[in-house]
Structure formats: structure tokens, C-alpha cells
Amino acid sequence: MATLTYVYADSTAVLGPLATYAEPHCYDLCEQHADSLTVPRGWEVLRLAMPTSPQQPGPDDLLALANAVRDAAALPPEAQPPAQRGHHAALEAPPGAEGARRGHLRVLREPS
């Protein structure tokens, strides 16, 4: 994975490691598209050093994921996107299944 950024003033495309935050004019590319990148005639491609192994998730990533799940669960059903409203019934646990259900997640109790 790589992030592509354009520097229009210098007619340069910069291809570097995957960005850690969203920018309006940055584009994340898979390895295949990053390797086959071409630019308009007269432009230059600046390829920054890429890490040899993918960056592992850190505590901040886990916290951001937990916050996103918590925020999504706090939305009332009428505020959810239409595509998500009707399919929750199909994901419900079968009658008599162990565990409490909250939103689209189900908490399973540890066997005693």
C-alpha cells in the first residue's frame, strides 16, 4: 500500500508510505497500482522509501476503532443509513442463543 500525492506547482507525483490521516488530495493505492503508476508527459514521479514490513496496529488504532463502534451504536435507528436499518433482523441471534445483543455486536458469556 502507498499514498499518492500531487505537487501541481512542480509537476510532480509523490508516492510514499501509506498516510496515517486523510488529506483531500491524497490517494491510497494498492501495491499493484503503486508499482504501475504513470504520470503525464513532463511530470516527474518521486518514490519515497517504503517500509519493508507493514506497520502493526498500535494502541491509538484500537482506541479509534473502539470509539467508532461506540459512536455507531449510539445512533438511534432512524439516524442510521437506510442500507443498515433493515438487515439487523437477519443478524439477530437465534431464539435461546446465549449472550446479550447490542447493535450489530453480540456479547458471549464465558462458560463457567
N, C-alpha and C. Protein backbone atom coordinates (compact mmCIF):
# COMPACT_ATOMS: atom_id res chain seq x y z
N MET A 1 0.84 -1.17 0.00
CA MET A 1 0.00 0.00 0.00
C MET A 1 0.89 1.24 0.00
N ALA A 2 0.42 2.27 -0.67
CA ALA A 2 1.16 3.52 -0.76
C ALA A 2 0.16 4.67 -0.88
N THR A 3 0.62 5.87 -0.59
CA THR A 3 -0.21 7.06 -0.75
C THR A 3 0.38 7.93 -1.84
N LEU A 4 -0.46 8.36 -2.76
CA LEU A 4 -0.07 9.21 -3.88
C LEU A 4 -0.52 10.63 -3.61
N THR A 5 0.40 11.58 -3.76
CA THR A 5 0.10 13.00 -3.59
C THR A 5 0.67 13.74 -4.80
N TYR A 6 -0.05 14.74 -5.27
CA TYR A 6 0.42 15.54 -6.40
C TYR A 6 0.92 16.89 -5.91
N VAL A 7 2.04 17.34 -6.48
CA VAL A 7 2.54 18.70 -6.25
C VAL A 7 2.41 19.39 -7.61
N TYR A 8 1.27 20.03 -7.82
CA TYR A 8 0.97 20.60 -9.14
C TYR A 8 1.98 21.67 -9.56
N ALA A 9 2.42 22.49 -8.61
CA ALA A 9 3.35 23.58 -8.94
C ALA A 9 4.67 23.05 -9.50
N ASP A 10 5.09 21.86 -9.06
CA ASP A 10 6.34 21.27 -9.53
C ASP A 10 6.13 20.18 -10.57
N SER A 11 4.89 19.93 -10.98
CA SER A 11 4.56 18.84 -11.90
C SER A 11 5.17 17.53 -11.42
N THR A 12 4.91 17.22 -10.15
CA THR A 12 5.49 16.04 -9.52
C THR A 12 4.41 15.22 -8.83
N ALA A 13 4.52 13.91 -8.98
CA ALA A 13 3.67 12.98 -8.24
C ALA A 13 4.57 12.32 -7.19
N VAL A 14 4.13 12.37 -5.94
CA VAL A 14 4.92 11.79 -4.85
C VAL A 14 4.22 10.53 -4.38
N LEU A 15 4.95 9.41 -4.41
CA LEU A 15 4.44 8.13 -3.98
C LEU A 15 5.23 7.70 -2.75
N GLY A 16 4.53 7.56 -1.62
CA GLY A 16 5.24 7.25 -0.39
C GLY A 16 4.46 6.28 0.47
N PRO A 17 4.93 6.09 1.71
CA PRO A 17 4.25 5.17 2.63
C PRO A 17 2.80 5.59 2.86
N LEU A 18 2.00 4.63 3.25
CA LEU A 18 0.58 4.87 3.49
C LEU A 18 0.41 5.98 4.52
N ALA A 19 -0.41 6.96 4.20
CA ALA A 19 -0.63 8.10 5.10
C ALA A 19 -1.39 7.64 6.34
N THR A 20 -1.11 8.29 7.46
CA THR A 20 -1.78 7.93 8.71
C THR A 20 -3.05 8.74 8.94
N TYR A 21 -3.28 9.77 8.12
CA TYR A 21 -4.51 10.56 8.24
C TYR A 21 -4.95 10.99 6.84
N ALA A 22 -6.23 11.31 6.72
CA ALA A 22 -6.80 11.65 5.42
C ALA A 22 -6.46 13.07 5.01
N GLU A 23 -6.09 13.23 3.78
CA GLU A 23 -5.84 14.54 3.16
C GLU A 23 -6.76 14.64 1.95
N PRO A 24 -7.22 15.85 1.62
CA PRO A 24 -8.16 15.98 0.50
C PRO A 24 -7.60 15.53 -0.85
N HIS A 25 -6.30 15.71 -1.10
CA HIS A 25 -5.76 15.40 -2.42
C HIS A 25 -4.75 14.27 -2.37
N CYS A 26 -4.94 13.32 -1.47
CA CYS A 26 -4.09 12.13 -1.38
C CYS A 26 -4.93 10.92 -1.75
N TYR A 27 -4.29 9.96 -2.37
CA TYR A 27 -4.98 8.77 -2.82
C TYR A 27 -4.19 7.54 -2.38
N ASP A 28 -4.84 6.62 -1.70
CA ASP A 28 -4.20 5.38 -1.29
C ASP A 28 -4.28 4.38 -2.43
N LEU A 29 -3.15 3.75 -2.72
CA LEU A 29 -3.06 2.80 -3.82
C LEU A 29 -2.61 1.44 -3.30
N CYS A 30 -3.12 0.39 -3.91
CA CYS A 30 -2.65 -0.95 -3.59
C CYS A 30 -1.25 -1.11 -4.22
N GLU A 31 -0.58 -2.19 -3.86
CA GLU A 31 0.79 -2.41 -4.33
C GLU A 31 0.87 -2.49 -5.85
N GLN A 32 -0.10 -3.18 -6.47
CA GLN A 32 -0.10 -3.33 -7.93
C GLN A 32 -0.20 -1.96 -8.61
N HIS A 33 -1.11 -1.11 -8.16
CA HIS A 33 -1.29 0.19 -8.81
C HIS A 33 -0.14 1.14 -8.47
N ALA A 34 0.44 1.02 -7.29
CA ALA A 34 1.59 1.85 -6.94
C ALA A 34 2.78 1.51 -7.83
N ASP A 35 2.98 0.21 -8.11
CA ASP A 35 4.10 -0.22 -8.94
C ASP A 35 3.92 0.19 -10.40
N SER A 36 2.69 0.25 -10.88
CA SER A 36 2.44 0.54 -12.30
C SER A 36 2.04 2.00 -12.55
N LEU A 37 2.28 2.87 -11.58
CA LEU A 37 1.90 4.28 -11.70
C LEU A 37 2.62 4.97 -12.85
N THR A 38 1.86 5.67 -13.68
CA THR A 38 2.43 6.51 -14.72
C THR A 38 1.87 7.92 -14.54
N VAL A 39 2.61 8.91 -15.00
CA VAL A 39 2.20 10.30 -14.86
C VAL A 39 2.18 10.96 -16.24
N PRO A 40 1.54 12.10 -16.36
CA PRO A 40 1.51 12.79 -17.66
C PRO A 40 2.92 13.15 -18.14
N ARG A 41 3.05 13.29 -19.44
CA ARG A 41 4.34 13.68 -20.05
C ARG A 41 4.79 15.01 -19.43
N GLY A 42 6.05 15.06 -19.06
CA GLY A 42 6.61 16.28 -18.46
C GLY A 42 6.56 16.27 -16.94
N TRP A 43 5.87 15.31 -16.36
CA TRP A 43 5.80 15.19 -14.91
C TRP A 43 6.89 14.24 -14.42
N GLU A 44 7.19 14.36 -13.15
CA GLU A 44 8.19 13.50 -12.52
C GLU A 44 7.52 12.70 -11.40
N VAL A 45 7.97 11.46 -11.19
CA VAL A 45 7.48 10.65 -10.08
C VAL A 45 8.58 10.58 -9.04
N LEU A 46 8.28 11.00 -7.84
CA LEU A 46 9.21 10.90 -6.72
C LEU A 46 8.73 9.75 -5.85
N ARG A 47 9.51 8.67 -5.79
CA ARG A 47 9.15 7.49 -5.00
C ARG A 47 9.94 7.52 -3.70
N LEU A 48 9.24 7.71 -2.59
CA LEU A 48 9.87 7.72 -1.28
C LEU A 48 10.13 6.30 -0.81
N ALA A 49 11.07 6.14 0.10
CA ALA A 49 11.39 4.81 0.63
C ALA A 49 10.16 4.24 1.32
N MET A 50 9.88 2.98 1.00
CA MET A 50 8.73 2.30 1.58
C MET A 50 9.20 1.38 2.69
N PRO A 51 8.40 1.22 3.76
CA PRO A 51 8.79 0.29 4.82
C PRO A 51 8.81 -1.14 4.29
N THR A 52 9.72 -1.96 4.83
CA THR A 52 9.84 -3.33 4.36
C THR A 52 8.71 -4.22 4.88
N SER A 53 8.13 -3.87 6.02
CA SER A 53 7.01 -4.65 6.55
C SER A 53 5.89 -3.69 6.91
N PRO A 54 4.64 -4.13 6.80
CA PRO A 54 3.52 -3.25 7.13
C PRO A 54 3.55 -2.85 8.60
N GLN A 55 3.12 -1.62 8.84
CA GLN A 55 3.08 -1.12 10.21
C GLN A 55 1.99 -1.86 10.99
N GLN A 56 2.33 -2.30 12.18
CA GLN A 56 1.37 -3.01 13.01
C GLN A 56 0.46 -2.02 13.72
N PRO A 57 -0.80 -2.40 13.96
CA PRO A 57 -1.71 -1.52 14.67
C PRO A 57 -1.18 -1.23 16.07
N GLY A 58 -1.38 -0.01 16.50
CA GLY A 58 -0.94 0.39 17.84
C GLY A 58 -2.12 0.66 18.73
N PRO A 59 -1.86 1.09 19.96
CA PRO A 59 -2.96 1.36 20.90
C PRO A 59 -3.90 2.46 20.41
N ASP A 60 -3.37 3.43 19.69
CA ASP A 60 -4.23 4.50 19.17
C ASP A 60 -5.22 3.97 18.14
N ASP A 61 -4.78 3.01 17.32
CA ASP A 61 -5.67 2.41 16.32
C ASP A 61 -6.81 1.66 16.99
N LEU A 62 -6.49 0.91 18.03
CA LEU A 62 -7.52 0.15 18.75
C LEU A 62 -8.51 1.10 19.43
N LEU A 63 -8.00 2.19 19.99
CA LEU A 63 -8.87 3.16 20.64
C LEU A 63 -9.78 3.83 19.62
N ALA A 64 -9.25 4.17 18.45
CA ALA A 64 -10.07 4.79 17.40
C ALA A 64 -11.15 3.83 16.93
N LEU A 65 -10.83 2.55 16.79
CA LEU A 65 -11.82 1.56 16.38
C LEU A 65 -12.91 1.42 17.44
N ALA A 66 -12.51 1.35 18.71
CA ALA A 66 -13.49 1.24 19.80
C ALA A 66 -14.41 2.46 19.83
N ASN A 67 -13.86 3.65 19.64
CA ASN A 67 -14.67 4.87 19.63
C ASN A 67 -15.64 4.88 18.45
N ALA A 68 -15.20 4.42 17.28
CA ALA A 68 -16.08 4.38 16.11
C ALA A 68 -17.24 3.42 16.34
N VAL A 69 -16.96 2.26 16.92
CA VAL A 69 -18.02 1.29 17.21
C VAL A 69 -18.99 1.86 18.24
N ARG A 70 -18.46 2.51 19.27
CA ARG A 70 -19.30 3.10 20.31
C ARG A 70 -20.19 4.20 19.71
N ASP A 71 -19.62 5.05 18.86
CA ASP A 71 -20.40 6.12 18.25
C ASP A 71 -21.50 5.56 17.34
N ALA A 72 -21.18 4.52 16.58
CA ALA A 72 -22.18 3.93 15.69
C ALA A 72 -23.30 3.28 16.48
N ALA A 73 -22.98 2.67 17.61
CA ALA A 73 -24.01 2.03 18.43
C ALA A 73 -24.91 3.06 19.11
N ALA A 74 -24.40 4.27 19.29
CA ALA A 74 -25.18 5.31 19.97
C ALA A 74 -26.21 5.96 19.05
N LEU A 75 -26.12 5.74 17.73
CA LEU A 75 -27.07 6.35 16.80
C LEU A 75 -28.44 5.70 16.95
N PRO A 76 -29.51 6.52 17.00
CA PRO A 76 -30.85 5.93 17.01
C PRO A 76 -31.13 5.29 15.65
N PRO A 77 -32.01 4.28 15.59
CA PRO A 77 -32.26 3.57 14.32
C PRO A 77 -32.64 4.49 13.17
N GLU A 78 -33.38 5.56 13.43
CA GLU A 78 -33.79 6.44 12.32
C GLU A 78 -32.62 7.26 11.78
N ALA A 79 -31.52 7.38 12.53
CA ALA A 79 -30.35 8.13 12.07
C ALA A 79 -29.37 7.25 11.32
N GLN A 80 -29.57 5.94 11.31
CA GLN A 80 -28.68 5.03 10.59
C GLN A 80 -28.96 5.13 9.10
N PRO A 81 -27.94 4.89 8.28
CA PRO A 81 -28.16 4.89 6.83
C PRO A 81 -29.21 3.85 6.46
N PRO A 82 -30.04 4.11 5.44
CA PRO A 82 -31.10 3.17 5.07
C PRO A 82 -30.60 1.76 4.79
N ALA A 83 -29.40 1.62 4.25
CA ALA A 83 -28.89 0.28 3.92
C ALA A 83 -28.66 -0.56 5.16
N GLN A 84 -28.50 0.07 6.33
CA GLN A 84 -28.21 -0.68 7.54
C GLN A 84 -29.44 -0.95 8.39
N ARG A 85 -30.53 -0.24 8.15
CA ARG A 85 -31.70 -0.36 9.02
C ARG A 85 -32.35 -1.73 8.96
N GLY A 86 -32.61 -2.24 7.77
CA GLY A 86 -33.40 -3.45 7.64
C GLY A 86 -32.65 -4.74 7.83
N HIS A 87 -31.33 -4.75 7.70
CA HIS A 87 -30.65 -6.03 7.73
C HIS A 87 -30.24 -6.48 9.13
N HIS A 88 -30.50 -5.69 10.16
CA HIS A 88 -30.16 -6.11 11.52
C HIS A 88 -30.99 -7.32 11.95
N ALA A 89 -32.21 -7.42 11.45
CA ALA A 89 -33.06 -8.55 11.85
C ALA A 89 -32.44 -9.87 11.40
N ALA A 90 -31.78 -9.86 10.26
CA ALA A 90 -31.16 -11.09 9.77
C ALA A 90 -29.95 -11.49 10.60
N LEU A 91 -29.38 -10.54 11.33
CA LEU A 91 -28.19 -10.81 12.12
C LEU A 91 -28.51 -11.14 13.57
N GLU A 92 -29.77 -11.11 13.92
CA GLU A 92 -30.16 -11.40 15.30
C GLU A 92 -29.79 -12.82 15.66
N ALA A 93 -29.47 -13.02 16.93
CA ALA A 93 -29.14 -14.37 17.41
C ALA A 93 -30.42 -15.20 17.40
N PRO A 94 -30.30 -16.48 17.14
CA PRO A 94 -31.49 -17.33 17.15
C PRO A 94 -32.09 -17.40 18.55
N PRO A 95 -33.40 -17.65 18.65
CA PRO A 95 -34.02 -17.71 19.97
C PRO A 95 -33.32 -18.75 20.84
N GLY A 96 -33.09 -18.38 22.08
CA GLY A 96 -32.44 -19.27 23.03
C GLY A 96 -30.92 -19.21 22.97
N ALA A 97 -30.36 -18.41 22.05
CA ALA A 97 -28.90 -18.31 21.97
C ALA A 97 -28.40 -17.53 23.18
N GLU A 98 -27.25 -17.94 23.65
CA GLU A 98 -26.69 -17.31 24.84
C GLU A 98 -26.03 -15.99 24.45
N GLY A 99 -26.15 -14.98 25.30
CA GLY A 99 -25.46 -13.72 25.09
C GLY A 99 -26.44 -12.58 24.89
N ALA A 100 -25.98 -11.40 25.23
CA ALA A 100 -26.79 -10.20 25.07
C ALA A 100 -26.44 -9.56 23.74
N ARG A 101 -27.39 -8.92 23.11
CA ARG A 101 -27.17 -8.30 21.81
C ARG A 101 -27.28 -6.79 21.95
N ARG A 102 -26.31 -6.07 21.36
CA ARG A 102 -26.33 -4.61 21.37
C ARG A 102 -25.89 -4.16 19.99
N GLY A 103 -26.82 -3.55 19.24
CA GLY A 103 -26.49 -3.11 17.88
C GLY A 103 -26.20 -4.32 17.02
N HIS A 104 -25.07 -4.30 16.33
CA HIS A 104 -24.71 -5.42 15.46
C HIS A 104 -23.72 -6.37 16.12
N LEU A 105 -23.40 -6.14 17.40
CA LEU A 105 -22.46 -6.99 18.12
C LEU A 105 -23.21 -7.85 19.12
N ARG A 106 -22.66 -9.02 19.41
CA ARG A 106 -23.26 -9.88 20.41
C ARG A 106 -22.19 -10.23 21.44
N VAL A 107 -22.49 -10.07 22.70
CA VAL A 107 -21.56 -10.39 23.78
C VAL A 107 -21.84 -11.80 24.25
N LEU A 108 -20.82 -12.64 24.21
CA LEU A 108 -20.97 -14.02 24.67
C LEU A 108 -20.42 -14.13 26.09
N ARG A 109 -21.15 -14.84 26.91
CA ARG A 109 -20.70 -15.06 28.28
C ARG A 109 -19.67 -16.17 28.31
N GLU A 110 -18.69 -16.06 29.19
CA GLU A 110 -17.69 -17.11 29.35
C GLU A 110 -18.31 -18.31 30.02
N PRO A 111 -17.99 -19.50 29.54
CA PRO A 111 -18.55 -20.68 30.20
C PRO A 111 -18.01 -20.79 31.62
N SER A 112 -18.89 -21.17 32.54
CA SER A 112 -18.44 -21.24 33.94
C SER A 112 -17.97 -22.61 34.31
